[in-house]
N, C-alpha and C. Protein backbone atom coordinates (compact mmCIF):
# COMPACT_ATOMS: atom_id res chain seq x y z
N MET A 1 10.70 -12.70 13.62
CA MET A 1 9.49 -13.48 13.49
C MET A 1 8.73 -12.94 12.29
N PHE A 2 8.14 -13.85 11.55
CA PHE A 2 7.41 -13.50 10.35
C PHE A 2 6.01 -14.08 10.42
N VAL A 3 5.05 -13.34 9.91
CA VAL A 3 3.69 -13.83 9.70
C VAL A 3 3.53 -13.91 8.19
N ILE A 4 3.18 -15.10 7.71
CA ILE A 4 3.16 -15.37 6.29
C ILE A 4 1.77 -15.84 5.89
N ASP A 5 1.34 -15.50 4.71
CA ASP A 5 0.08 -16.00 4.18
C ASP A 5 0.13 -17.52 4.21
N SER A 6 -0.78 -18.16 4.94
CA SER A 6 -0.69 -19.60 5.16
C SER A 6 -0.86 -20.41 3.87
N SER A 7 -1.68 -19.93 2.93
CA SER A 7 -1.83 -20.69 1.68
C SER A 7 -0.53 -20.68 0.87
N LEU A 8 0.16 -19.53 0.86
CA LEU A 8 1.45 -19.47 0.16
C LEU A 8 2.52 -20.28 0.89
N ALA A 9 2.53 -20.24 2.20
CA ALA A 9 3.55 -20.95 2.97
C ALA A 9 3.41 -22.46 2.83
N GLU A 10 2.17 -22.96 2.82
CA GLU A 10 1.97 -24.41 2.67
C GLU A 10 2.38 -24.90 1.29
N ARG A 11 2.09 -24.09 0.27
CA ARG A 11 2.45 -24.49 -1.10
C ARG A 11 3.94 -24.41 -1.36
N ASP A 12 4.59 -23.35 -0.80
CA ASP A 12 5.99 -23.11 -1.16
C ASP A 12 6.81 -22.61 0.04
N TRP A 13 6.93 -23.43 1.08
CA TRP A 13 7.72 -23.03 2.24
C TRP A 13 9.18 -22.83 1.86
N ASN A 14 9.71 -23.68 1.02
CA ASN A 14 11.12 -23.57 0.62
C ASN A 14 11.38 -22.27 -0.15
N GLY A 15 10.42 -21.84 -0.94
CA GLY A 15 10.56 -20.58 -1.65
C GLY A 15 10.58 -19.40 -0.69
N PHE A 16 9.73 -19.47 0.34
CA PHE A 16 9.72 -18.43 1.36
C PHE A 16 11.05 -18.41 2.10
N ALA A 17 11.54 -19.59 2.49
CA ALA A 17 12.81 -19.68 3.21
C ALA A 17 13.95 -19.12 2.36
N ALA A 18 13.92 -19.41 1.06
CA ALA A 18 14.96 -18.90 0.17
C ALA A 18 14.88 -17.38 0.06
N GLU A 19 13.66 -16.83 0.05
CA GLU A 19 13.50 -15.38 -0.02
C GLU A 19 14.04 -14.70 1.24
N ILE A 20 13.75 -15.27 2.39
CA ILE A 20 14.25 -14.71 3.66
C ILE A 20 15.77 -14.75 3.68
N GLU A 21 16.34 -15.90 3.33
CA GLU A 21 17.80 -16.04 3.34
C GLU A 21 18.45 -15.08 2.35
N ALA A 22 17.86 -14.93 1.17
CA ALA A 22 18.42 -14.03 0.16
C ALA A 22 18.39 -12.58 0.65
N THR A 23 17.29 -12.18 1.31
CA THR A 23 17.19 -10.81 1.83
C THR A 23 18.23 -10.56 2.90
N ILE A 24 18.42 -11.51 3.79
CA ILE A 24 19.39 -11.35 4.88
C ILE A 24 20.81 -11.30 4.31
N ARG A 25 21.13 -12.18 3.38
CA ARG A 25 22.47 -12.19 2.76
C ARG A 25 22.71 -10.92 1.94
N LYS A 26 21.67 -10.43 1.28
CA LYS A 26 21.79 -9.21 0.45
C LYS A 26 22.28 -8.03 1.29
N HIS A 27 21.90 -8.02 2.55
CA HIS A 27 22.27 -6.91 3.44
C HIS A 27 23.43 -7.26 4.37
N GLY A 28 24.20 -8.27 4.01
CA GLY A 28 25.42 -8.59 4.75
C GLY A 28 25.22 -9.46 5.98
N GLY A 29 24.06 -10.11 6.08
CA GLY A 29 23.79 -10.95 7.24
C GLY A 29 23.99 -12.42 6.95
N ASN A 30 23.81 -13.22 7.99
CA ASN A 30 23.96 -14.66 7.88
C ASN A 30 22.79 -15.32 8.59
N LEU A 31 22.01 -16.14 7.87
CA LEU A 31 20.88 -16.85 8.47
C LEU A 31 21.41 -18.01 9.29
N VAL A 32 21.09 -18.03 10.58
CA VAL A 32 21.55 -19.09 11.47
C VAL A 32 20.52 -20.20 11.54
N ASP A 33 19.24 -19.85 11.65
CA ASP A 33 18.20 -20.85 11.81
C ASP A 33 16.87 -20.27 11.33
N LEU A 34 16.07 -21.09 10.65
CA LEU A 34 14.74 -20.67 10.22
C LEU A 34 13.79 -21.81 10.55
N ARG A 35 12.79 -21.52 11.37
CA ARG A 35 11.85 -22.56 11.79
C ARG A 35 10.43 -22.21 11.36
N LYS A 36 9.73 -23.23 10.94
CA LYS A 36 8.33 -23.08 10.57
C LYS A 36 7.49 -23.35 11.81
N TRP A 37 6.68 -22.37 12.17
CA TRP A 37 5.79 -22.55 13.31
C TRP A 37 4.41 -22.94 12.81
N ASP A 38 3.43 -22.83 13.64
CA ASP A 38 2.09 -23.28 13.33
C ASP A 38 1.31 -22.32 12.45
N ASP A 39 0.27 -22.87 11.88
CA ASP A 39 -0.73 -22.08 11.19
C ASP A 39 -1.76 -21.71 12.26
N ARG A 40 -1.98 -20.41 12.46
CA ARG A 40 -2.85 -19.97 13.55
C ARG A 40 -3.91 -19.00 13.07
N ARG A 41 -4.98 -18.95 13.85
CA ARG A 41 -6.03 -17.96 13.59
C ARG A 41 -5.52 -16.61 14.09
N LEU A 42 -5.69 -15.58 13.29
CA LEU A 42 -5.24 -14.24 13.66
C LEU A 42 -6.26 -13.58 14.58
N ALA A 43 -5.81 -12.69 15.43
CA ALA A 43 -6.71 -11.97 16.33
C ALA A 43 -7.63 -11.04 15.55
N TYR A 44 -7.17 -10.55 14.43
CA TYR A 44 -7.98 -9.70 13.54
C TYR A 44 -7.52 -9.94 12.11
N GLU A 45 -8.37 -9.64 11.17
CA GLU A 45 -8.03 -9.87 9.76
C GLU A 45 -6.92 -8.93 9.31
N ILE A 46 -5.98 -9.49 8.57
CA ILE A 46 -4.92 -8.73 7.93
C ILE A 46 -4.95 -9.10 6.46
N ARG A 47 -5.10 -8.11 5.60
CA ARG A 47 -5.18 -8.35 4.15
C ARG A 47 -6.25 -9.39 3.82
N HIS A 48 -7.37 -9.35 4.48
CA HIS A 48 -8.51 -10.25 4.27
C HIS A 48 -8.17 -11.70 4.64
N MET A 49 -7.17 -11.91 5.47
CA MET A 49 -6.81 -13.26 5.92
C MET A 49 -7.22 -13.43 7.38
N LYS A 50 -7.77 -14.61 7.68
CA LYS A 50 -8.14 -14.93 9.06
C LYS A 50 -7.12 -15.87 9.71
N ARG A 51 -6.32 -16.53 8.89
CA ARG A 51 -5.29 -17.45 9.39
C ARG A 51 -3.95 -17.10 8.75
N ALA A 52 -2.88 -17.42 9.45
CA ALA A 52 -1.54 -17.17 8.90
C ALA A 52 -0.55 -18.15 9.51
N MET A 53 0.55 -18.33 8.81
CA MET A 53 1.64 -19.20 9.25
C MET A 53 2.70 -18.32 9.90
N TYR A 54 3.29 -18.82 10.98
CA TYR A 54 4.36 -18.09 11.66
C TYR A 54 5.69 -18.76 11.36
N GLY A 55 6.71 -17.95 11.19
CA GLY A 55 8.07 -18.45 10.98
C GLY A 55 9.03 -17.67 11.87
N LEU A 56 10.02 -18.34 12.38
CA LEU A 56 10.99 -17.69 13.26
C LEU A 56 12.39 -17.86 12.67
N ALA A 57 13.07 -16.75 12.46
CA ALA A 57 14.42 -16.78 11.90
C ALA A 57 15.40 -16.19 12.89
N HIS A 58 16.51 -16.87 13.07
CA HIS A 58 17.63 -16.33 13.85
C HIS A 58 18.71 -15.99 12.83
N PHE A 59 19.18 -14.75 12.88
CA PHE A 59 20.22 -14.36 11.94
C PHE A 59 21.16 -13.36 12.60
N GLU A 60 22.34 -13.25 12.01
CA GLU A 60 23.33 -12.27 12.45
C GLU A 60 23.47 -11.27 11.32
N ALA A 61 23.49 -9.98 11.68
CA ALA A 61 23.60 -8.94 10.65
C ALA A 61 24.19 -7.68 11.25
N PRO A 62 24.85 -6.87 10.42
CA PRO A 62 25.35 -5.59 10.91
C PRO A 62 24.17 -4.70 11.33
N PRO A 63 24.30 -3.99 12.43
CA PRO A 63 23.20 -3.16 12.93
C PRO A 63 22.69 -2.14 11.91
N LEU A 64 23.58 -1.61 11.10
CA LEU A 64 23.16 -0.59 10.14
C LEU A 64 22.34 -1.16 8.97
N SER A 65 22.32 -2.47 8.82
CA SER A 65 21.58 -3.07 7.71
C SER A 65 20.14 -3.43 8.09
N ILE A 66 19.78 -3.31 9.34
CA ILE A 66 18.45 -3.73 9.79
C ILE A 66 17.34 -2.92 9.12
N GLU A 67 17.49 -1.61 9.02
CA GLU A 67 16.45 -0.79 8.40
C GLU A 67 16.23 -1.17 6.93
N ALA A 68 17.30 -1.46 6.22
CA ALA A 68 17.15 -1.87 4.82
C ALA A 68 16.45 -3.23 4.72
N MET A 69 16.74 -4.13 5.66
CA MET A 69 16.05 -5.42 5.70
C MET A 69 14.57 -5.23 5.98
N ARG A 70 14.26 -4.36 6.95
CA ARG A 70 12.86 -4.08 7.27
C ARG A 70 12.11 -3.60 6.02
N ARG A 71 12.72 -2.71 5.27
CA ARG A 71 12.10 -2.18 4.07
C ARG A 71 11.80 -3.31 3.08
N ASP A 72 12.76 -4.21 2.89
CA ASP A 72 12.55 -5.32 1.97
C ASP A 72 11.46 -6.27 2.47
N PHE A 73 11.39 -6.50 3.78
CA PHE A 73 10.35 -7.37 4.33
C PHE A 73 8.96 -6.74 4.16
N VAL A 74 8.87 -5.42 4.31
CA VAL A 74 7.59 -4.73 4.12
C VAL A 74 7.16 -4.81 2.66
N LEU A 75 8.09 -4.72 1.74
CA LEU A 75 7.77 -4.75 0.31
C LEU A 75 7.46 -6.15 -0.21
N SER A 76 7.82 -7.17 0.56
CA SER A 76 7.58 -8.54 0.12
C SER A 76 6.08 -8.86 0.14
N GLU A 77 5.60 -9.53 -0.90
CA GLU A 77 4.19 -9.89 -0.96
C GLU A 77 3.89 -11.13 -0.13
N ARG A 78 4.88 -11.93 0.16
CA ARG A 78 4.66 -13.14 0.96
C ARG A 78 4.56 -12.85 2.45
N ILE A 79 5.29 -11.85 2.91
CA ILE A 79 5.36 -11.55 4.34
C ILE A 79 4.24 -10.57 4.70
N VAL A 80 3.37 -11.00 5.61
CA VAL A 80 2.25 -10.18 6.04
C VAL A 80 2.71 -9.19 7.11
N ARG A 81 3.44 -9.68 8.09
CA ARG A 81 4.00 -8.85 9.16
C ARG A 81 5.36 -9.43 9.54
N HIS A 82 6.19 -8.60 10.16
CA HIS A 82 7.49 -9.08 10.65
C HIS A 82 7.85 -8.33 11.92
N LEU A 83 8.73 -8.92 12.70
CA LEU A 83 9.22 -8.31 13.92
C LEU A 83 10.68 -8.71 14.07
N ILE A 84 11.55 -7.71 14.17
CA ILE A 84 12.98 -7.98 14.35
C ILE A 84 13.36 -7.53 15.75
N THR A 85 13.95 -8.42 16.53
CA THR A 85 14.40 -8.10 17.89
C THR A 85 15.83 -8.59 18.08
N ILE A 86 16.44 -8.13 19.14
CA ILE A 86 17.77 -8.62 19.52
C ILE A 86 17.56 -9.83 20.41
N ASP A 87 18.21 -10.93 20.08
CA ASP A 87 18.05 -12.18 20.83
C ASP A 87 19.27 -12.40 21.71
N ALA A 88 19.09 -12.24 22.99
CA ALA A 88 20.20 -12.40 23.93
C ALA A 88 20.44 -13.87 24.27
N ASP A 89 19.44 -14.74 24.07
CA ASP A 89 19.55 -16.14 24.45
C ASP A 89 20.21 -17.01 23.40
N GLY A 90 20.20 -16.57 22.15
CA GLY A 90 20.77 -17.39 21.10
C GLY A 90 19.75 -18.35 20.54
N VAL A 91 20.18 -19.25 19.70
CA VAL A 91 19.30 -20.21 19.04
C VAL A 91 19.05 -21.38 19.97
N PRO A 92 17.80 -21.79 20.16
CA PRO A 92 17.51 -22.95 21.00
C PRO A 92 18.10 -24.22 20.39
N VAL A 93 18.50 -25.14 21.22
CA VAL A 93 19.10 -26.39 20.77
C VAL A 93 18.01 -27.44 20.62
N GLY A 94 18.13 -28.28 19.62
CA GLY A 94 17.18 -29.37 19.44
C GLY A 94 15.85 -28.89 18.92
N ASP A 95 14.79 -29.52 19.40
CA ASP A 95 13.46 -29.22 18.90
C ASP A 95 12.70 -28.25 19.81
N GLU A 96 13.41 -27.58 20.69
CA GLU A 96 12.75 -26.63 21.59
C GLU A 96 12.17 -25.49 20.79
N ARG A 97 11.06 -25.01 21.23
CA ARG A 97 10.48 -23.83 20.61
C ARG A 97 10.77 -22.65 21.51
N PRO A 98 11.24 -21.57 20.93
CA PRO A 98 11.51 -20.40 21.74
C PRO A 98 10.22 -19.88 22.33
N GLY A 99 10.31 -19.32 23.47
CA GLY A 99 9.15 -18.75 24.14
C GLY A 99 9.64 -18.13 25.43
N ILE A 100 9.12 -18.60 26.52
CA ILE A 100 9.57 -18.10 27.81
C ILE A 100 10.96 -18.68 28.05
N THR A 101 11.90 -17.83 28.34
CA THR A 101 13.28 -18.28 28.46
C THR A 101 13.63 -18.54 29.92
N ASN A 102 14.73 -19.19 30.12
CA ASN A 102 15.23 -19.46 31.46
C ASN A 102 16.23 -18.40 31.91
N THR A 103 16.34 -17.34 31.14
CA THR A 103 17.29 -16.29 31.47
C THR A 103 16.88 -15.63 32.77
N ALA A 104 17.82 -15.46 33.66
CA ALA A 104 17.52 -14.84 34.95
C ALA A 104 17.22 -13.35 34.76
N ILE A 105 16.26 -12.87 35.50
CA ILE A 105 15.94 -11.45 35.47
C ILE A 105 16.98 -10.72 36.29
N PRO A 106 17.54 -9.62 35.77
CA PRO A 106 18.57 -8.92 36.52
C PRO A 106 18.01 -8.39 37.84
N ASP A 107 18.88 -8.36 38.83
CA ASP A 107 18.48 -7.85 40.13
C ASP A 107 18.31 -6.35 40.06
N PHE A 108 17.24 -5.88 40.63
CA PHE A 108 17.00 -4.45 40.69
C PHE A 108 17.37 -3.97 42.08
N PRO A 109 17.81 -2.73 42.20
CA PRO A 109 18.15 -2.25 43.53
C PRO A 109 16.92 -2.32 44.43
N GLU A 110 17.16 -2.63 45.68
CA GLU A 110 16.05 -2.75 46.61
C GLU A 110 15.41 -1.39 46.83
N ARG A 111 14.12 -1.42 47.00
CA ARG A 111 13.41 -0.18 47.26
C ARG A 111 13.62 0.23 48.70
N ARG A 112 13.64 1.53 48.90
CA ARG A 112 13.77 2.03 50.27
C ARG A 112 12.46 1.81 51.00
N SER A 113 12.55 1.53 52.28
CA SER A 113 11.32 1.41 53.05
C SER A 113 10.76 2.81 53.30
N ARG A 114 9.53 2.89 53.68
CA ARG A 114 8.91 4.19 53.92
C ARG A 114 9.60 4.95 55.04
N ASP A 115 10.18 4.24 55.99
CA ASP A 115 10.86 4.90 57.11
C ASP A 115 12.14 5.61 56.66
N ASP A 116 12.78 5.10 55.59
CA ASP A 116 14.04 5.68 55.13
C ASP A 116 13.85 6.86 54.18
N ARG A 117 12.63 7.13 53.77
CA ARG A 117 12.39 8.22 52.84
C ARG A 117 12.51 9.56 53.56
N PRO A 118 12.96 10.58 52.83
CA PRO A 118 13.06 11.90 53.47
C PRO A 118 11.67 12.44 53.80
N GLU A 119 11.60 13.20 54.90
CA GLU A 119 10.34 13.77 55.34
C GLU A 119 9.93 14.89 54.39
N ARG A 120 8.67 14.96 54.11
CA ARG A 120 8.16 16.07 53.32
C ARG A 120 7.89 17.22 54.28
N GLY A 121 8.19 18.41 53.81
CA GLY A 121 7.98 19.57 54.66
C GLY A 121 6.51 19.83 54.91
N ARG A 122 6.13 20.00 56.15
CA ARG A 122 4.74 20.28 56.51
C ARG A 122 4.71 21.59 57.28
N GLY A 123 3.73 22.42 56.99
CA GLY A 123 3.57 23.68 57.71
C GLY A 123 2.95 23.43 59.07
N GLU A 124 2.69 24.51 59.80
CA GLU A 124 2.12 24.38 61.13
C GLU A 124 0.72 23.78 61.10
N GLU A 125 -0.03 24.07 60.04
CA GLU A 125 -1.40 23.58 59.97
C GLU A 125 -1.51 22.32 59.13
N GLY A 126 -0.40 21.66 58.83
CA GLY A 126 -0.43 20.42 58.07
C GLY A 126 -0.33 20.61 56.57
N GLY A 127 -0.23 21.86 56.09
CA GLY A 127 -0.10 22.11 54.65
C GLY A 127 1.32 21.86 54.18
N VAL A 128 1.54 21.82 52.91
CA VAL A 128 2.87 21.61 52.35
C VAL A 128 3.58 22.94 52.27
N ASP A 129 4.86 23.00 52.69
CA ASP A 129 5.64 24.24 52.70
C ASP A 129 5.72 24.89 51.33
N ALA A 130 5.71 24.10 50.28
CA ALA A 130 5.86 24.65 48.94
C ALA A 130 4.69 25.54 48.56
N LEU A 131 3.57 25.42 49.26
CA LEU A 131 2.39 26.21 48.92
C LEU A 131 2.28 27.49 49.76
N GLU A 132 3.29 27.81 50.55
CA GLU A 132 3.20 28.97 51.44
C GLU A 132 3.03 30.27 50.68
N GLY A 133 3.63 30.42 49.52
CA GLY A 133 3.56 31.67 48.77
C GLY A 133 2.35 31.77 47.85
N VAL A 134 1.50 30.76 47.83
CA VAL A 134 0.35 30.76 46.94
C VAL A 134 -0.78 31.58 47.56
N ILE A 135 -1.39 32.41 46.76
CA ILE A 135 -2.48 33.26 47.24
C ILE A 135 -3.78 32.47 47.14
N PRO A 136 -4.57 32.41 48.23
CA PRO A 136 -5.84 31.69 48.17
C PRO A 136 -6.76 32.30 47.12
N ALA A 137 -7.63 31.50 46.52
CA ALA A 137 -8.49 31.93 45.41
C ALA A 137 -9.42 33.08 45.82
N GLU A 138 -9.89 33.06 47.08
CA GLU A 138 -10.80 34.12 47.49
C GLU A 138 -10.14 35.49 47.62
N GLU A 139 -8.81 35.54 47.73
CA GLU A 139 -8.09 36.80 47.85
C GLU A 139 -7.63 37.34 46.50
N VAL A 140 -7.79 36.59 45.42
CA VAL A 140 -7.34 37.02 44.10
C VAL A 140 -8.34 38.05 43.59
N GLU A 141 -7.83 39.18 43.11
CA GLU A 141 -8.69 40.26 42.59
C GLU A 141 -9.22 39.84 41.23
N ARG A 142 -10.52 39.89 41.08
CA ARG A 142 -11.14 39.50 39.82
C ARG A 142 -11.33 40.72 38.95
N THR A 143 -11.06 40.58 37.64
CA THR A 143 -11.21 41.73 36.74
C THR A 143 -12.40 41.57 35.84
């Protein structure tokens, strides 16, 4: 995902797309899909900008080339911010916008009920056994 200066993106979206594709290809990757998202108000100013354009790129690249790509994206004057993640869902089909996916959440092992948990050791007076060797503060010799 890319955050782009909205004035530059509106004037020259194709130039931005060409720059992204060239950077990905330079590092041995292949651009699968590049989508232009909305122009949005930013939560806080970045480089004196209150609005920015979002772009989403799906690409395939060797894992070792990601850091070099990140460096090039940081050095680019058109790209304000970027985020590279691993996409397990693939590229959406048609005009769908990626967002909340339909991917099932993996099952987590069931939690044990409180009855199945091991008992904690309790002393005769209800204290914890681990504290049996601790000397009470009033018995400690002060120097």
